[in-house]
Amino acid sequence: MKKILIPALTTVMLLSPVVPVFAIDGSPSPSTAPRAQFRQYVQQANQTFKTDVEQAREERKTNITEARLGMIEGIAKKHASRLQNQFAVHARWLGSIATRLQARINTVKGEGVDVTAMQNELNAAEAAITTATTDGTNAVNAFNGITGTTLEEVRAAVQNAITLAQQTRAAFNNAKQLLVQTFQMVRSATPRPSESPEASPSV
């Protein structure tokens, strides 16, 4: 009898529908929510990483820019100091020449020579020296004041300072030329020793 029941039970078990184990023990079926949450977490982590990388790059660019700006500002201040000394030397040198020429003009005037033209030339030279001195001060202040938050702003400030320095040099050169012309006029109005009556050979 047992031999007959065993094959029969085996056949029944094979033919019966398969019931999920979870249905048998009553536990809920696995949900896909954890996987979705994990994917979302990974996406957020990737996005955070990208954001951090971009911020690091921007900070590096900012640091490099600030370093370059600081270097340019330092160089500009040193150049301003050199220009200040150079312009001061030029102004004193040309001013001393103008003073000596004025003394010569006064002497020639005392001899009865018309000094109107040479005096006007000297006045123009002295005005050019004053202009050059003012331009030089502006150029030095421009170099000392070079600053900015971007390289474009600093480049514009540097170009402006360079323009003022070039303008100053042009004014000093103009003053020099006017002094040279004044000197030539004074010299032509002053008789040379060989041309004076006392220096003329006796007949």
Protein backbone atom coordinates (compact mmCIF):
# COMPACT_ATOMS: atom_id res chain seq x y z
CA MET A 1 0.00 0.00 0.00
CA LYS A 2 2.84 2.34 0.88
CA LYS A 3 4.45 1.61 -2.48
CA ILE A 4 1.24 2.79 -4.23
CA LEU A 5 0.86 6.01 -2.16
CA ILE A 6 4.39 7.32 -2.66
CA PRO A 7 4.20 7.53 -6.47
CA ALA A 8 0.73 9.03 -6.21
CA LEU A 9 1.86 11.75 -3.82
CA THR A 10 4.82 12.49 -6.02
CA THR A 11 2.56 12.94 -9.05
CA VAL A 12 0.22 15.23 -7.13
CA MET A 13 3.09 17.42 -5.99
CA LEU A 14 4.49 17.70 -9.51
CA LEU A 15 1.14 18.56 -11.06
CA SER A 16 -0.01 21.02 -8.42
CA PRO A 17 0.53 24.75 -9.25
CA VAL A 18 3.66 26.32 -7.85
CA VAL A 19 2.80 28.65 -4.99
CA PRO A 20 5.32 31.40 -4.25
CA VAL A 21 7.17 30.93 -1.06
CA PHE A 22 6.39 34.50 -0.02
CA ALA A 23 2.69 33.70 -0.28
CA ILE A 24 3.16 30.68 1.91
CA ASP A 25 5.00 32.39 4.75
CA GLY A 26 2.93 35.59 4.39
CA SER A 27 5.93 37.97 3.91
CA PRO A 28 5.57 40.86 1.38
CA SER A 29 7.21 40.65 -2.05
CA PRO A 30 10.49 42.56 -2.51
CA SER A 31 9.97 46.26 -3.47
CA THR A 32 11.94 48.24 -6.12
CA ALA A 33 11.93 51.40 -3.92
CA PRO A 34 15.39 50.79 -2.36
CA ARG A 35 16.96 50.47 -5.81
CA ALA A 36 15.36 53.74 -6.95
CA GLN A 37 16.51 55.47 -3.80
CA PHE A 38 20.03 54.15 -4.32
CA ARG A 39 20.10 55.39 -7.90
CA GLN A 40 18.88 58.80 -6.75
CA TYR A 41 21.55 58.88 -4.09
CA VAL A 42 24.24 58.03 -6.64
CA GLN A 43 22.98 60.74 -8.99
CA GLN A 44 22.99 63.31 -6.21
CA ALA A 45 26.48 62.25 -5.17
CA ASN A 46 27.72 62.60 -8.74
CA GLN A 47 26.12 66.04 -9.06
CA THR A 48 27.65 67.15 -5.76
CA PHE A 49 31.05 65.92 -6.91
CA LYS A 50 30.75 67.84 -10.20
CA THR A 51 29.70 70.98 -8.34
CA ASP A 52 32.62 70.68 -5.95
CA VAL A 53 35.02 70.22 -8.86
CA GLU A 54 33.66 73.30 -10.65
CA GLN A 55 33.89 75.36 -7.47
CA ALA A 56 37.47 74.20 -6.97
CA ARG A 57 38.32 75.24 -10.52
CA GLU A 58 36.71 78.65 -10.06
CA GLU A 59 38.52 79.15 -6.77
CA ARG A 60 41.81 78.20 -8.45
CA LYS A 61 41.14 80.68 -11.25
CA THR A 62 40.27 83.35 -8.70
CA ASN A 63 43.44 82.67 -6.74
CA ILE A 64 45.56 82.83 -9.89
CA THR A 65 43.86 86.06 -10.97
CA GLU A 66 44.35 87.63 -7.55
CA ALA A 67 48.00 86.62 -7.59
CA ARG A 68 48.51 88.15 -11.03
CA LEU A 69 46.69 91.32 -10.01
CA GLY A 70 48.84 91.63 -6.93
CA MET A 71 52.00 91.14 -8.98
CA ILE A 72 50.96 93.79 -11.52
CA GLU A 73 50.08 96.26 -8.78
CA GLY A 74 53.46 95.71 -7.13
CA ILE A 75 55.34 96.26 -10.40
CA ALA A 76 53.28 99.39 -11.10
CA LYS A 77 54.17 100.91 -7.72
CA LYS A 78 57.88 100.28 -8.29
CA HIS A 79 57.63 101.85 -11.74
CA ALA A 80 55.81 104.84 -10.24
CA SER A 81 58.71 105.40 -7.84
CA ARG A 82 61.24 105.31 -10.69
CA LEU A 83 59.17 107.70 -12.80
CA GLN A 84 58.79 110.11 -9.90
CA ASN A 85 62.57 110.31 -9.52
CA GLN A 86 63.17 110.68 -13.26
CA PHE A 87 60.57 113.41 -13.70
CA ALA A 88 61.90 115.30 -10.67
CA VAL A 89 65.44 115.21 -12.09
CA HIS A 90 64.24 116.46 -15.48
CA ALA A 91 62.21 119.26 -13.92
CA ARG A 92 65.16 120.47 -11.80
CA TRP A 93 67.58 120.25 -14.71
CA LEU A 94 65.38 122.14 -17.15
CA GLY A 95 64.41 124.63 -14.47
CA SER A 96 68.06 125.43 -13.75
CA ILE A 97 68.68 126.00 -17.46
CA ALA A 98 65.69 128.32 -17.63
CA THR A 99 67.01 130.27 -14.64
CA ARG A 100 70.42 130.75 -16.27
CA LEU A 101 68.83 131.79 -19.56
CA GLN A 102 66.68 134.33 -17.76
CA ALA A 103 69.82 135.83 -16.25
CA ARG A 104 71.38 136.02 -19.72
CA ILE A 105 68.27 137.67 -21.13
CA ASN A 106 68.31 140.25 -18.35
CA THR A 107 71.93 140.99 -19.14
CA VAL A 108 71.26 141.39 -22.85
CA LYS A 109 68.27 143.57 -22.10
CA GLY A 110 70.47 145.81 -20.01
CA GLU A 111 72.68 146.28 -23.06
CA GLY A 112 69.75 147.73 -24.95
CA VAL A 113 68.85 144.66 -26.98
CA ASP A 114 65.20 143.90 -27.72
CA VAL A 115 64.56 140.67 -25.84
CA THR A 116 60.82 140.34 -26.51
CA ALA A 117 61.08 137.29 -28.76
CA MET A 118 63.57 135.41 -26.61
CA GLN A 119 61.62 136.23 -23.45
CA ASN A 120 58.43 134.86 -25.02
CA GLU A 121 60.32 131.72 -26.01
CA LEU A 122 61.63 131.28 -22.48
CA ASN A 123 58.16 131.85 -21.02
CA ALA A 124 56.82 129.12 -23.30
CA ALA A 125 59.60 126.80 -22.13
CA GLU A 126 58.83 127.46 -18.48
CA ALA A 127 55.13 126.82 -19.12
CA ALA A 128 56.06 123.52 -20.80
CA ILE A 129 58.12 122.56 -17.74
CA THR A 130 55.12 123.28 -15.51
CA THR A 131 52.87 121.22 -17.76
CA ALA A 132 55.35 118.33 -17.79
CA THR A 133 55.62 118.43 -14.00
CA THR A 134 51.83 118.29 -13.64
CA ASP A 135 51.56 115.48 -16.17
CA GLY A 136 54.31 113.62 -14.35
CA THR A 137 52.45 113.85 -11.07
CA ASN A 138 49.32 112.52 -12.75
CA ALA A 139 51.27 109.64 -14.31
CA VAL A 140 52.87 108.67 -11.00
CA ASN A 141 49.50 108.79 -9.24
CA ALA A 142 48.00 106.67 -12.01
CA PHE A 143 50.65 103.96 -11.60
CA ASN A 144 50.32 104.02 -7.81
CA GLY A 145 46.54 103.77 -8.11
CA ILE A 146 46.44 100.78 -10.45
CA THR A 147 43.92 98.31 -9.07
CA GLY A 148 40.93 96.27 -10.16
CA THR A 149 39.02 93.06 -9.64
CA THR A 150 39.61 91.75 -13.18
CA LEU A 151 42.58 91.64 -15.49
CA GLU A 152 40.66 93.74 -18.02
CA GLU A 153 40.23 96.55 -15.50
CA VAL A 154 43.89 96.44 -14.52
CA ARG A 155 45.03 96.43 -18.16
CA ALA A 156 42.91 99.52 -18.83
CA ALA A 157 44.39 101.27 -15.78
CA VAL A 158 47.93 100.36 -16.87
CA GLN A 159 47.32 101.68 -20.37
CA ASN A 160 45.99 104.94 -18.97
CA ALA A 161 49.08 105.34 -16.77
CA ILE A 162 51.39 104.58 -19.70
CA THR A 163 49.61 107.21 -21.80
CA LEU A 164 50.10 109.82 -19.07
CA ALA A 165 53.79 108.93 -18.75
CA GLN A 166 54.28 109.26 -22.51
CA GLN A 167 52.47 112.60 -22.39
CA THR A 168 54.85 113.73 -19.64
CA ARG A 169 57.93 112.79 -21.66
CA ALA A 170 56.56 114.65 -24.66
CA ALA A 171 56.02 117.77 -22.52
CA PHE A 172 59.59 117.61 -21.17
CA ASN A 173 60.95 117.19 -24.70
CA ASN A 174 58.91 120.20 -25.80
CA ALA A 175 60.31 122.27 -22.94
CA LYS A 176 63.84 121.17 -23.84
CA GLN A 177 63.39 122.23 -27.47
CA LEU A 178 62.03 125.61 -26.40
CA LEU A 179 65.02 126.13 -24.11
CA VAL A 180 67.39 125.25 -26.94
CA GLN A 181 65.69 127.79 -29.18
CA THR A 182 65.84 130.40 -26.42
CA PHE A 183 69.55 129.75 -25.95
CA GLN A 184 70.20 130.16 -29.67
CA MET A 185 68.32 133.47 -29.68
CA VAL A 186 70.23 134.74 -26.65
CA ARG A 187 73.54 133.65 -28.14
CA SER A 188 72.80 135.35 -31.45
CA ALA A 189 71.95 138.58 -29.59
CA THR A 190 75.15 138.46 -27.54
CA PRO A 191 78.28 139.66 -29.42
CA ARG A 192 81.14 137.22 -29.32
CA PRO A 193 84.50 138.37 -28.00
CA SER A 194 86.02 138.36 -31.49
CA GLU A 195 83.19 140.56 -32.75
CA SER A 196 83.35 143.16 -29.95
CA PRO A 197 85.11 146.50 -30.69
CA GLU A 198 87.63 145.88 -27.92
CA ALA A 199 88.64 142.59 -29.48
CA SER A 200 88.97 143.97 -33.03
CA PRO A 201 92.54 144.13 -34.34
CA SER A 202 94.09 147.61 -34.50
CA VAL A 203 94.71 149.05 -37.88
